[in-house]
Amino acid sequence: MRKTLLFTVLAFGISGLVSLGMPKTLAAGHEEKPLPQIPGITAPDQKPSACVDCHKNYPEMKFDARLTVVLKGWQKAADEKILAKAQGTMPAGIKLEGKHPDVSHLIKTIPNDCLMCHSTQTSTPQRVPEFRKMIHAIHLVGGKDNHFISNYGGTCTHCHKLDPKTGAWSIGSGQEQP
């Protein structure tokens, strides 16, 4: 009886402290953390079209990161660091050539149109890197030396979009800006 009374008094006392502004997780020994700012989930989505919202022309920096411009350069030779990451996603024994064919006439919506070749559903999955493996290797490997991690926090929802009504995920896609 005495233990029950003591427990009841303590329970009401602690709940009273919580209602006076004490951290809700006091019993667990941790303070309540602020809500993380996750684009498209707990914060506005500033990059609804994913790739093309980051890979754009930056004239003030004299840097054109549009993927059609990048791919045009890769017709001669792909960037060595990116090529190495893409090569790591390939099956054993398959070596990438280090060049990208001219697809300018095919690419209108990025990354949707990239999936014509870079998908397991295509006829060439053994000769080209699978998009999802390649893009994750490029954007999420390398720690602080990775531009996507160091400048964009490696945030998944910059690319992956959640439909809050259905819980379904999709990949943002859009047209490049001139």
N, C-alpha and C. Protein backbone atom coordinates (compact mmCIF):
# COMPACT_ATOMS: atom_id res chain seq x y z
N MET A 1 0.83 -1.19 0.00
CA MET A 1 0.00 0.00 0.00
C MET A 1 0.87 1.25 0.00
N ARG A 2 1.91 1.23 0.86
CA ARG A 2 2.81 2.38 0.95
C ARG A 2 3.54 2.62 -0.38
N LYS A 3 3.98 1.52 -1.03
CA LYS A 3 4.68 1.64 -2.31
C LYS A 3 3.75 2.20 -3.37
N THR A 4 2.50 1.76 -3.36
CA THR A 4 1.52 2.23 -4.34
C THR A 4 1.28 3.72 -4.16
N LEU A 5 1.14 4.17 -2.92
CA LEU A 5 0.92 5.59 -2.64
C LEU A 5 2.13 6.41 -3.07
N LEU A 6 3.33 5.94 -2.74
CA LEU A 6 4.55 6.63 -3.13
C LEU A 6 4.66 6.73 -4.66
N PHE A 7 4.37 5.62 -5.34
CA PHE A 7 4.41 5.61 -6.80
C PHE A 7 3.41 6.60 -7.38
N THR A 8 2.21 6.65 -6.84
CA THR A 8 1.17 7.56 -7.33
C THR A 8 1.60 9.01 -7.15
N VAL A 9 2.15 9.34 -5.98
CA VAL A 9 2.62 10.70 -5.71
C VAL A 9 3.74 11.07 -6.68
N LEU A 10 4.69 10.17 -6.88
CA LEU A 10 5.79 10.44 -7.81
C LEU A 10 5.28 10.61 -9.24
N ALA A 11 4.36 9.77 -9.65
CA ALA A 11 3.82 9.85 -11.01
C ALA A 11 3.14 11.19 -11.24
N PHE A 12 2.30 11.62 -10.28
CA PHE A 12 1.63 12.91 -10.43
C PHE A 12 2.64 14.06 -10.36
N GLY A 13 3.64 13.92 -9.52
CA GLY A 13 4.67 14.96 -9.41
C GLY A 13 5.45 15.12 -10.69
N ILE A 14 5.86 14.01 -11.28
CA ILE A 14 6.61 14.07 -12.54
C ILE A 14 5.73 14.61 -13.65
N SER A 15 4.47 14.17 -13.72
CA SER A 15 3.60 14.67 -14.78
C SER A 15 3.35 16.16 -14.59
N GLY A 16 3.32 16.62 -13.34
CA GLY A 16 3.18 18.05 -13.09
C GLY A 16 4.39 18.83 -13.58
N LEU A 17 5.58 18.29 -13.35
CA LEU A 17 6.80 18.94 -13.84
C LEU A 17 6.82 19.00 -15.36
N VAL A 18 6.37 17.92 -15.99
CA VAL A 18 6.33 17.89 -17.46
C VAL A 18 5.40 18.97 -17.96
N SER A 19 4.23 19.12 -17.31
CA SER A 19 3.28 20.12 -17.76
C SER A 19 3.79 21.54 -17.50
N LEU A 20 4.78 21.71 -16.61
CA LEU A 20 5.36 23.02 -16.34
C LEU A 20 6.52 23.34 -17.28
N GLY A 21 6.72 22.52 -18.29
CA GLY A 21 7.75 22.82 -19.26
C GLY A 21 8.98 21.95 -19.19
N MET A 22 8.99 20.97 -18.34
CA MET A 22 10.11 20.04 -18.29
C MET A 22 10.08 19.18 -19.55
N PRO A 23 11.21 18.73 -20.01
CA PRO A 23 11.23 17.87 -21.21
C PRO A 23 10.34 16.64 -21.03
N LYS A 24 9.61 16.29 -22.10
CA LYS A 24 8.68 15.17 -22.05
C LYS A 24 9.39 13.84 -21.86
N THR A 25 10.62 13.74 -22.30
CA THR A 25 11.34 12.47 -22.22
C THR A 25 12.29 12.44 -21.03
N LEU A 26 11.93 13.17 -19.99
CA LEU A 26 12.77 13.24 -18.80
C LEU A 26 13.08 11.86 -18.25
N ALA A 27 12.08 10.99 -18.22
CA ALA A 27 12.28 9.65 -17.66
C ALA A 27 13.32 8.87 -18.45
N ALA A 28 13.41 9.11 -19.74
CA ALA A 28 14.38 8.39 -20.57
C ALA A 28 15.76 9.04 -20.49
N GLY A 29 15.84 10.22 -19.89
CA GLY A 29 17.13 10.88 -19.74
C GLY A 29 17.55 11.70 -20.95
N HIS A 30 16.63 11.95 -21.85
CA HIS A 30 16.94 12.73 -23.05
C HIS A 30 15.94 13.86 -23.21
N GLU A 31 16.41 15.00 -23.67
CA GLU A 31 15.50 16.09 -23.96
C GLU A 31 14.88 15.88 -25.33
N GLU A 32 13.71 16.44 -25.50
CA GLU A 32 13.02 16.35 -26.78
C GLU A 32 13.82 17.15 -27.82
N LYS A 33 14.08 16.54 -28.96
CA LYS A 33 14.86 17.19 -30.01
C LYS A 33 13.96 18.04 -30.89
N PRO A 34 14.52 19.09 -31.49
CA PRO A 34 13.71 19.88 -32.43
C PRO A 34 13.39 19.04 -33.67
N LEU A 35 12.28 19.35 -34.28
CA LEU A 35 11.85 18.63 -35.47
C LEU A 35 12.86 18.82 -36.60
N PRO A 36 13.37 17.74 -37.19
CA PRO A 36 14.33 17.91 -38.30
C PRO A 36 13.64 18.53 -39.51
N GLN A 37 14.37 19.32 -40.24
CA GLN A 37 13.83 19.97 -41.44
C GLN A 37 14.10 19.08 -42.64
N ILE A 38 13.13 18.26 -43.00
CA ILE A 38 13.25 17.32 -44.11
C ILE A 38 12.44 17.85 -45.28
N PRO A 39 13.11 18.27 -46.36
CA PRO A 39 12.38 18.83 -47.50
C PRO A 39 11.27 17.90 -48.00
N GLY A 40 10.08 18.49 -48.16
CA GLY A 40 8.95 17.73 -48.67
C GLY A 40 8.21 16.93 -47.60
N ILE A 41 8.74 16.91 -46.38
CA ILE A 41 8.09 16.16 -45.31
C ILE A 41 7.78 17.10 -44.14
N THR A 42 8.79 17.73 -43.57
CA THR A 42 8.58 18.67 -42.47
C THR A 42 9.00 20.09 -42.85
N ALA A 43 9.44 20.27 -44.07
CA ALA A 43 9.86 21.58 -44.58
C ALA A 43 9.45 21.67 -46.05
N PRO A 44 9.35 22.89 -46.59
CA PRO A 44 8.99 23.02 -48.01
C PRO A 44 10.00 22.32 -48.91
N ASP A 45 9.51 21.76 -50.00
CA ASP A 45 10.37 21.09 -50.99
C ASP A 45 10.83 22.14 -52.00
N GLN A 46 12.07 22.55 -51.88
CA GLN A 46 12.63 23.56 -52.79
C GLN A 46 13.14 22.94 -54.09
N LYS A 47 13.12 21.61 -54.18
CA LYS A 47 13.66 20.91 -55.35
C LYS A 47 12.67 19.85 -55.85
N PRO A 48 11.45 20.26 -56.22
CA PRO A 48 10.43 19.28 -56.62
C PRO A 48 10.78 18.50 -57.89
N SER A 49 11.64 19.07 -58.73
CA SER A 49 12.02 18.39 -59.97
C SER A 49 13.36 17.67 -59.85
N ALA A 50 13.85 17.54 -58.64
CA ALA A 50 15.06 16.77 -58.33
C ALA A 50 16.28 17.22 -59.13
N CYS A 51 16.81 16.36 -59.99
CA CYS A 51 18.08 16.59 -60.69
C CYS A 51 18.20 18.00 -61.27
N VAL A 52 17.19 18.42 -62.03
CA VAL A 52 17.28 19.69 -62.76
C VAL A 52 17.19 20.90 -61.84
N ASP A 53 16.77 20.71 -60.59
CA ASP A 53 16.73 21.82 -59.65
C ASP A 53 18.10 22.11 -59.05
N CYS A 54 19.03 21.19 -59.13
CA CYS A 54 20.41 21.40 -58.67
C CYS A 54 21.36 21.52 -59.86
N HIS A 55 21.19 20.63 -60.82
CA HIS A 55 22.05 20.63 -62.01
C HIS A 55 21.52 21.66 -63.00
N LYS A 56 21.96 22.91 -62.80
CA LYS A 56 21.51 24.00 -63.67
C LYS A 56 22.69 24.90 -64.00
N ASN A 57 22.42 25.91 -64.79
CA ASN A 57 23.47 26.85 -65.18
C ASN A 57 23.65 27.88 -64.06
N TYR A 58 24.90 28.08 -63.65
CA TYR A 58 25.24 29.06 -62.63
C TYR A 58 26.16 30.10 -63.26
N PRO A 59 25.59 31.06 -64.02
CA PRO A 59 26.44 32.04 -64.72
C PRO A 59 27.30 32.88 -63.79
N GLU A 60 26.81 33.17 -62.57
CA GLU A 60 27.58 33.97 -61.62
C GLU A 60 28.87 33.26 -61.20
N MET A 61 28.88 31.93 -61.30
CA MET A 61 30.07 31.14 -60.98
C MET A 61 30.77 30.65 -62.24
N LYS A 62 30.22 31.03 -63.38
CA LYS A 62 30.74 30.56 -64.68
C LYS A 62 30.82 29.03 -64.70
N PHE A 63 29.70 28.41 -64.27
CA PHE A 63 29.64 26.95 -64.16
C PHE A 63 28.28 26.46 -64.64
N ASP A 64 28.28 25.68 -65.71
CA ASP A 64 27.04 25.13 -66.25
C ASP A 64 26.96 23.66 -65.88
N ALA A 65 26.12 23.35 -64.90
CA ALA A 65 26.00 21.98 -64.40
C ALA A 65 24.79 21.24 -64.98
N ARG A 66 24.16 21.83 -66.01
CA ARG A 66 23.02 21.13 -66.62
C ARG A 66 23.49 19.78 -67.16
N LEU A 67 22.70 18.76 -66.94
CA LEU A 67 23.11 17.41 -67.31
C LEU A 67 23.28 17.23 -68.81
N THR A 68 22.52 17.95 -69.62
CA THR A 68 22.73 17.85 -71.07
C THR A 68 24.11 18.40 -71.45
N VAL A 69 24.57 19.42 -70.76
CA VAL A 69 25.90 19.99 -71.01
C VAL A 69 26.97 19.01 -70.52
N VAL A 70 26.76 18.45 -69.34
CA VAL A 70 27.70 17.47 -68.79
C VAL A 70 27.81 16.26 -69.72
N LEU A 71 26.66 15.74 -70.17
CA LEU A 71 26.67 14.57 -71.05
C LEU A 71 27.35 14.87 -72.38
N LYS A 72 27.21 16.08 -72.87
CA LYS A 72 27.89 16.45 -74.12
C LYS A 72 29.40 16.34 -73.94
N GLY A 73 29.91 16.78 -72.80
CA GLY A 73 31.34 16.64 -72.51
C GLY A 73 31.76 15.19 -72.38
N TRP A 74 30.86 14.37 -71.85
CA TRP A 74 31.16 12.95 -71.67
C TRP A 74 31.16 12.17 -72.97
N GLN A 75 30.74 12.80 -74.07
CA GLN A 75 30.85 12.13 -75.37
C GLN A 75 32.32 11.93 -75.73
N LYS A 76 33.18 12.82 -75.20
CA LYS A 76 34.63 12.69 -75.42
C LYS A 76 35.25 11.82 -74.33
N ALA A 77 34.95 12.15 -73.08
CA ALA A 77 35.47 11.37 -71.94
C ALA A 77 34.70 11.75 -70.68
N ALA A 78 34.28 10.76 -69.94
CA ALA A 78 33.56 11.00 -68.68
C ALA A 78 34.53 11.43 -67.60
N ASP A 79 34.03 12.18 -66.64
CA ASP A 79 34.81 12.58 -65.48
C ASP A 79 35.33 11.31 -64.79
N GLU A 80 36.63 11.28 -64.49
CA GLU A 80 37.26 10.07 -63.95
C GLU A 80 36.68 9.62 -62.61
N LYS A 81 36.40 10.58 -61.71
CA LYS A 81 35.86 10.21 -60.40
C LYS A 81 34.45 9.63 -60.53
N ILE A 82 33.65 10.23 -61.38
CA ILE A 82 32.29 9.72 -61.58
C ILE A 82 32.34 8.38 -62.30
N LEU A 83 33.22 8.26 -63.26
CA LEU A 83 33.37 6.99 -63.98
C LEU A 83 33.76 5.86 -63.01
N ALA A 84 34.65 6.15 -62.08
CA ALA A 84 35.07 5.14 -61.10
C ALA A 84 33.89 4.70 -60.23
N LYS A 85 33.07 5.66 -59.81
CA LYS A 85 31.90 5.31 -59.01
C LYS A 85 30.90 4.49 -59.83
N ALA A 86 30.67 4.88 -61.08
CA ALA A 86 29.75 4.14 -61.95
C ALA A 86 30.29 2.73 -62.21
N GLN A 87 31.60 2.62 -62.43
CA GLN A 87 32.21 1.31 -62.68
C GLN A 87 31.98 0.38 -61.49
N GLY A 88 32.01 0.92 -60.29
CA GLY A 88 31.79 0.12 -59.10
C GLY A 88 30.41 -0.50 -59.01
N THR A 89 29.47 0.03 -59.78
CA THR A 89 28.10 -0.50 -59.75
C THR A 89 27.87 -1.57 -60.81
N MET A 90 28.87 -1.80 -61.65
CA MET A 90 28.72 -2.75 -62.76
C MET A 90 29.02 -4.18 -62.32
N PRO A 91 28.42 -5.16 -63.02
CA PRO A 91 28.73 -6.56 -62.72
C PRO A 91 30.21 -6.85 -62.98
N ALA A 92 30.76 -7.82 -62.28
CA ALA A 92 32.16 -8.21 -62.46
C ALA A 92 32.42 -8.56 -63.92
N GLY A 93 33.54 -8.11 -64.42
CA GLY A 93 33.94 -8.43 -65.79
C GLY A 93 33.43 -7.46 -66.84
N ILE A 94 32.56 -6.53 -66.47
CA ILE A 94 32.04 -5.54 -67.43
C ILE A 94 32.78 -4.23 -67.19
N LYS A 95 33.47 -3.74 -68.21
CA LYS A 95 34.21 -2.48 -68.09
C LYS A 95 33.52 -1.39 -68.90
N LEU A 96 33.26 -0.27 -68.24
CA LEU A 96 32.65 0.86 -68.93
C LEU A 96 33.67 1.50 -69.87
N GLU A 97 33.19 2.03 -70.99
CA GLU A 97 34.08 2.64 -71.98
C GLU A 97 34.58 4.01 -71.58
N GLY A 98 33.87 4.69 -70.69
CA GLY A 98 34.31 6.01 -70.27
C GLY A 98 33.79 7.14 -71.14
N LYS A 99 32.84 6.83 -71.99
CA LYS A 99 32.20 7.83 -72.84
C LYS A 99 30.70 7.61 -72.79
N HIS A 100 29.95 8.67 -73.08
CA HIS A 100 28.49 8.56 -73.12
C HIS A 100 28.05 8.88 -74.54
N PRO A 101 27.17 8.08 -75.12
CA PRO A 101 26.70 8.38 -76.48
C PRO A 101 25.87 9.67 -76.50
N ASP A 102 25.74 10.25 -77.66
CA ASP A 102 24.92 11.45 -77.84
C ASP A 102 23.45 11.05 -77.69
N VAL A 103 22.82 11.57 -76.64
CA VAL A 103 21.40 11.29 -76.40
C VAL A 103 20.59 12.58 -76.35
N SER A 104 21.18 13.66 -76.86
CA SER A 104 20.53 14.97 -76.77
C SER A 104 19.15 14.98 -77.42
N HIS A 105 18.97 14.19 -78.46
CA HIS A 105 17.67 14.14 -79.14
C HIS A 105 16.64 13.31 -78.36
N LEU A 106 17.08 12.56 -77.36
CA LEU A 106 16.19 11.71 -76.57
C LEU A 106 15.82 12.30 -75.21
N ILE A 107 16.69 13.12 -74.67
CA ILE A 107 16.53 13.58 -73.29
C ILE A 107 15.75 14.89 -73.23
N LYS A 108 14.54 14.81 -72.71
CA LYS A 108 13.70 16.00 -72.52
C LYS A 108 13.35 16.18 -71.04
N THR A 109 13.11 15.08 -70.34
CA THR A 109 12.74 15.11 -68.93
C THR A 109 13.74 14.27 -68.15
N ILE A 110 14.40 14.92 -67.18
CA ILE A 110 15.47 14.27 -66.42
C ILE A 110 14.99 14.06 -64.99
N PRO A 111 15.15 12.87 -64.43
CA PRO A 111 15.85 11.69 -64.91
C PRO A 111 14.96 10.67 -65.64
N ASN A 112 13.67 10.95 -65.77
CA ASN A 112 12.79 9.95 -66.40
C ASN A 112 13.34 9.41 -67.71
N ASP A 113 13.82 10.29 -68.58
CA ASP A 113 14.31 9.84 -69.89
C ASP A 113 15.63 9.06 -69.77
N CYS A 114 16.37 9.28 -68.72
CA CYS A 114 17.62 8.53 -68.50
C CYS A 114 17.33 7.04 -68.31
N LEU A 115 16.15 6.75 -67.81
CA LEU A 115 15.78 5.36 -67.52
C LEU A 115 15.54 4.54 -68.78
N MET A 116 15.47 5.20 -69.93
CA MET A 116 15.34 4.44 -71.18
C MET A 116 16.51 3.47 -71.33
N CYS A 117 17.67 3.85 -70.85
CA CYS A 117 18.86 2.99 -70.94
C CYS A 117 19.32 2.50 -69.58
N HIS A 118 19.23 3.35 -68.57
CA HIS A 118 19.80 3.05 -67.25
C HIS A 118 18.77 2.40 -66.32
N SER A 119 18.11 1.37 -66.78
CA SER A 119 17.10 0.68 -65.99
C SER A 119 17.26 -0.82 -66.16
N THR A 120 16.84 -1.57 -65.17
CA THR A 120 16.89 -3.03 -65.29
C THR A 120 15.85 -3.52 -66.29
N GLN A 121 14.95 -2.64 -66.71
CA GLN A 121 13.89 -3.02 -67.65
C GLN A 121 14.32 -2.86 -69.11
N THR A 122 15.52 -2.33 -69.35
CA THR A 122 15.97 -2.10 -70.73
C THR A 122 16.67 -3.33 -71.28
N SER A 123 17.00 -3.25 -72.55
CA SER A 123 17.69 -4.38 -73.19
C SER A 123 19.20 -4.33 -72.97
N THR A 124 19.70 -3.28 -72.32
CA THR A 124 21.15 -3.13 -72.16
C THR A 124 21.62 -3.07 -70.71
N PRO A 125 20.94 -3.72 -69.76
CA PRO A 125 21.35 -3.54 -68.37
C PRO A 125 22.75 -4.05 -68.05
N GLN A 126 23.30 -4.93 -68.85
CA GLN A 126 24.64 -5.45 -68.58
C GLN A 126 25.73 -4.54 -69.14
N ARG A 127 25.36 -3.56 -69.99
CA ARG A 127 26.37 -2.70 -70.60
C ARG A 127 26.40 -1.29 -70.05
N VAL A 128 25.33 -0.88 -69.36
CA VAL A 128 25.28 0.47 -68.80
C VAL A 128 24.94 0.38 -67.30
N PRO A 129 25.41 1.33 -66.52
CA PRO A 129 25.11 1.28 -65.09
C PRO A 129 23.62 1.45 -64.82
N GLU A 130 23.12 0.68 -63.87
CA GLU A 130 21.72 0.84 -63.46
C GLU A 130 21.60 2.18 -62.74
N PHE A 131 20.60 2.96 -63.11
CA PHE A 131 20.45 4.33 -62.61
C PHE A 131 20.49 4.41 -61.09
N ARG A 132 19.66 3.63 -60.42
CA ARG A 132 19.56 3.78 -58.96
C ARG A 132 20.87 3.47 -58.25
N LYS A 133 21.61 2.47 -58.71
CA LYS A 133 22.90 2.16 -58.09
C LYS A 133 23.91 3.25 -58.40
N MET A 134 23.96 3.65 -59.67
CA MET A 134 24.93 4.65 -60.10
C MET A 134 24.69 5.99 -59.39
N ILE A 135 23.44 6.45 -59.35
CA ILE A 135 23.16 7.77 -58.79
C ILE A 135 23.42 7.80 -57.29
N HIS A 136 23.13 6.70 -56.60
CA HIS A 136 23.42 6.64 -55.17
C HIS A 136 24.93 6.60 -54.92
N ALA A 137 25.67 5.89 -55.74
CA ALA A 137 27.14 5.85 -55.61
C ALA A 137 27.73 7.24 -55.85
N ILE A 138 27.22 7.94 -56.85
CA ILE A 138 27.73 9.28 -57.18
C ILE A 138 27.39 10.29 -56.09
N HIS A 139 26.17 10.25 -55.58
CA HIS A 139 25.72 11.27 -54.65
C HIS A 139 25.93 10.96 -53.16
N LEU A 140 26.15 9.71 -52.81
CA LEU A 140 26.21 9.38 -51.38
C LEU A 140 27.52 8.75 -50.92
N VAL A 141 28.51 8.66 -51.79
CA VAL A 141 29.80 8.07 -51.43
C VAL A 141 30.87 9.17 -51.47
N GLY A 142 31.70 9.23 -50.45
CA GLY A 142 32.81 10.17 -50.46
C GLY A 142 32.83 11.14 -49.30
N GLY A 143 31.83 11.07 -48.42
CA GLY A 143 31.82 11.93 -47.24
C GLY A 143 31.91 13.40 -47.57
N LYS A 144 32.75 14.13 -46.83
CA LYS A 144 32.85 15.59 -47.00
C LYS A 144 33.36 16.00 -48.37
N ASP A 145 34.01 15.10 -49.08
CA ASP A 145 34.51 15.42 -50.42
C ASP A 145 33.42 15.28 -51.48
N ASN A 146 32.25 14.80 -51.09
CA ASN A 146 31.15 14.65 -52.03
C ASN A 146 30.32 15.93 -52.01
N HIS A 147 30.18 16.56 -53.17
CA HIS A 147 29.47 17.84 -53.30
C HIS A 147 28.03 17.74 -52.81
N PHE A 148 27.33 16.66 -53.14
CA PHE A 148 25.93 16.51 -52.73
C PHE A 148 25.81 16.40 -51.21
N ILE A 149 26.73 15.73 -50.59
CA ILE A 149 26.70 15.60 -49.13
C ILE A 149 27.11 16.91 -48.47
N SER A 150 28.22 17.49 -48.90
CA SER A 150 28.74 18.69 -48.23
C SER A 150 27.89 19.93 -48.50
N ASN A 151 27.23 20.02 -49.66
CA ASN A 151 26.44 21.21 -49.97
C ASN A 151 24.94 21.04 -49.80
N TYR A 152 24.46 19.82 -49.90
CA TYR A 152 23.01 19.59 -49.82
C TYR A 152 22.64 18.63 -48.69
N GLY A 153 23.60 18.25 -47.87
CA GLY A 153 23.34 17.40 -46.73
C GLY A 153 23.02 15.95 -47.06
N GLY A 154 23.18 15.56 -48.33
CA GLY A 154 22.88 14.18 -48.72
C GLY A 154 21.42 13.81 -48.47
N THR A 155 20.56 14.81 -48.46
CA THR A 155 19.16 14.61 -48.12
C THR A 155 18.41 13.82 -49.20
N CYS A 156 17.88 12.68 -48.81
CA CYS A 156 17.20 11.77 -49.74
C CYS A 156 16.02 12.43 -50.45
N THR A 157 15.30 13.30 -49.73
CA THR A 157 14.08 13.87 -50.31
C THR A 157 14.35 14.98 -51.32
N HIS A 158 15.62 15.29 -51.59
CA HIS A 158 15.90 16.18 -52.71
C HIS A 158 15.58 15.45 -54.02
N CYS A 159 15.64 14.13 -54.00
CA CYS A 159 15.35 13.31 -55.19
C CYS A 159 14.09 12.47 -55.00
N HIS A 160 13.99 11.81 -53.86
CA HIS A 160 12.86 10.92 -53.58
C HIS A 160 11.70 11.73 -53.02
N LYS A 161 10.53 11.62 -53.64
CA LYS A 161 9.36 12.42 -53.26
C LYS A 161 8.28 11.52 -52.66
N LEU A 162 7.76 11.93 -51.51
CA LEU A 162 6.74 11.17 -50.80
C LEU A 162 5.37 11.76 -51.08
N ASP A 163 4.42 10.91 -51.45
CA ASP A 163 3.02 11.31 -51.55
C ASP A 163 2.42 11.07 -50.17
N PRO A 164 2.11 12.13 -49.42
CA PRO A 164 1.65 11.95 -48.04
C PRO A 164 0.29 11.25 -47.93
N LYS A 165 -0.49 11.28 -48.99
CA LYS A 165 -1.80 10.63 -48.95
C LYS A 165 -1.69 9.12 -49.10
N THR A 166 -0.78 8.67 -49.96
CA THR A 166 -0.69 7.23 -50.25
C THR A 166 0.53 6.57 -49.62
N GLY A 167 1.52 7.38 -49.23
CA GLY A 167 2.75 6.81 -48.70
C GLY A 167 3.69 6.32 -49.79
N ALA A 168 3.30 6.54 -51.05
CA ALA A 168 4.12 6.08 -52.18
C ALA A 168 5.28 7.05 -52.42
N TRP A 169 6.41 6.48 -52.83
CA TRP A 169 7.59 7.26 -53.17
C TRP A 169 7.73 7.33 -54.68
N SER A 170 8.27 8.43 -55.18
CA SER A 170 8.58 8.57 -56.60
C SER A 170 9.88 9.36 -56.69
N ILE A 171 10.37 9.50 -57.91
CA ILE A 171 11.57 10.30 -58.15
C ILE A 171 11.12 11.56 -58.86
N GLY A 172 11.54 12.72 -58.34
CA GLY A 172 11.21 13.97 -59.01
C GLY A 172 11.86 14.00 -60.38
N SER A 173 11.18 14.62 -61.32
CA SER A 173 11.70 14.70 -62.69
C SER A 173 11.20 15.99 -63.31
N GLY A 174 11.97 16.53 -64.26
CA GLY A 174 11.55 17.76 -64.91
C GLY A 174 12.44 18.10 -66.08
N GLN A 175 12.09 19.21 -66.72
CA GLN A 175 12.87 19.69 -67.86
C GLN A 175 13.92 20.68 -67.38
N GLU A 176 15.07 20.65 -68.04
CA GLU A 176 16.13 21.60 -67.71
C GLU A 176 15.69 23.01 -68.10
N GLN A 177 16.18 23.97 -67.34
CA GLN A 177 15.94 25.37 -67.66
C GLN A 177 17.06 25.86 -68.58
N PRO A 178 16.71 26.73 -69.51
CA PRO A 178 17.75 27.24 -70.44
C PRO A 178 18.84 28.02 -69.73
